[in-house]
């Protein structure tokens, strides 16, 4: 994400409802083969108070999550990458 464009108000954000759990499960399934290939355990955990449905820009959220997960896998040479999602009611 280009922060200079955001600061210059050149980026338009969407405001749509999306299923964050579905998004994360899809990303988990995309990154799992990479983790297995590198002998790294990839785990995805949701707590009981997690809010599944969100309002926002799913494209930008996905972009940020892809960057975080790919960097975690890239810089983890042994062990595991755990994605723990929590929330409160």
Protein backbone atom coordinates (compact mmCIF):
# COMPACT_ATOMS: atom_id res chain seq x y z
CA UNK A 1 0.00 0.00 0.00
CA UNK A 2 1.40 3.37 -0.96
CA UNK A 3 1.15 5.61 2.11
CA UNK A 4 2.11 8.72 0.14
CA UNK A 5 -1.00 8.27 -2.02
CA UNK A 6 -3.15 7.79 1.07
CA UNK A 7 -1.75 10.94 2.67
CA UNK A 8 -2.42 12.86 -0.56
CA UNK A 9 -6.04 11.61 -0.56
CA UNK A 10 -5.49 9.86 -3.90
CA UNK A 11 -6.80 6.49 -2.69
CA UNK A 12 -10.47 5.71 -2.47
CA UNK A 13 -11.41 3.13 0.12
CA UNK A 14 -14.37 0.83 -0.34
CA UNK A 15 -16.94 0.40 2.39
CA UNK A 16 -18.44 -3.06 1.96
CA UNK A 17 -19.45 -5.88 4.25
CA UNK A 18 -17.11 -8.88 4.15
CA UNK A 19 -16.50 -12.14 5.96
CA UNK A 20 -13.09 -11.87 7.61
CA UNK A 21 -13.11 -15.52 8.67
CA UNK A 22 -13.66 -16.65 5.08
CA UNK A 23 -10.91 -14.31 3.87
CA UNK A 24 -8.45 -15.65 6.45
CA UNK A 25 -9.35 -19.27 5.72
CA UNK A 26 -8.76 -18.65 1.99
CA UNK A 27 -5.39 -17.03 2.69
CA UNK A 28 -4.47 -19.88 5.03
CA UNK A 29 -5.22 -22.38 2.25
CA UNK A 30 -3.12 -20.37 -0.22
CA UNK A 31 -0.11 -20.11 2.11
CA UNK A 32 -0.25 -23.62 3.60
CA UNK A 33 1.66 -25.26 0.69
CA UNK A 34 4.44 -22.67 1.03
CA UNK A 35 4.71 -23.40 4.74
CA UNK A 36 4.78 -27.16 4.16
CA UNK A 37 7.41 -26.74 1.45
CA UNK A 38 9.61 -24.88 3.96
CA UNK A 39 8.91 -27.31 6.84
CA UNK A 40 7.07 -24.61 8.80
CA UNK A 41 3.82 -25.18 10.64
CA UNK A 42 1.11 -22.67 9.72
CA UNK A 43 -1.79 -22.34 12.14
CA UNK A 44 -4.96 -20.24 12.05
CA UNK A 45 -6.92 -19.83 15.28
CA UNK A 46 -10.06 -17.83 16.09
CA UNK A 47 -11.22 -17.14 19.61
CA UNK A 48 -14.87 -17.38 20.69
CA UNK A 49 -15.40 -13.60 20.64
CA UNK A 50 -14.16 -13.04 17.12
CA UNK A 51 -16.38 -10.81 14.97
CA UNK A 52 -16.68 -12.60 11.65
CA UNK A 53 -18.38 -9.90 9.59
CA UNK A 54 -16.73 -6.54 9.02
CA UNK A 55 -17.40 -3.35 7.12
CA UNK A 56 -14.48 -1.91 5.18
CA UNK A 57 -12.19 -2.26 2.19
CA UNK A 58 -11.68 -6.00 1.77
CA UNK A 59 -9.12 -5.48 -0.99
CA UNK A 60 -6.87 -3.39 1.28
CA UNK A 61 -7.40 -5.72 4.25
CA UNK A 62 -6.44 -8.69 2.07
CA UNK A 63 -3.35 -6.86 0.81
CA UNK A 64 -2.18 -6.13 4.36
CA UNK A 65 -2.83 -9.71 5.51
CA UNK A 66 -0.97 -11.15 2.51
CA UNK A 67 2.03 -8.93 3.31
CA UNK A 68 2.03 -9.94 6.98
CA UNK A 69 1.65 -13.67 6.34
CA UNK A 70 4.15 -13.81 3.48
CA UNK A 71 6.75 -11.89 5.52
CA UNK A 72 6.18 -14.14 8.52
CA UNK A 73 6.77 -17.22 6.35
CA UNK A 74 9.71 -15.62 4.56
CA UNK A 75 11.55 -14.76 7.78
CA UNK A 76 10.68 -17.91 9.74
CA UNK A 77 13.33 -20.54 9.14
CA UNK A 78 12.04 -23.16 11.57
CA UNK A 79 9.07 -23.66 13.86
CA UNK A 80 5.68 -22.17 13.16
CA UNK A 81 3.72 -19.15 12.09
CA UNK A 82 0.56 -18.78 14.15
CA UNK A 83 -2.25 -16.49 13.06
CA UNK A 84 -4.34 -15.85 16.16
CA UNK A 85 -7.50 -13.83 15.70
CA UNK A 86 -9.24 -12.49 18.76
CA UNK A 87 -11.91 -9.98 19.58
CA UNK A 88 -14.25 -8.95 22.33
CA UNK A 89 -17.98 -8.50 22.51
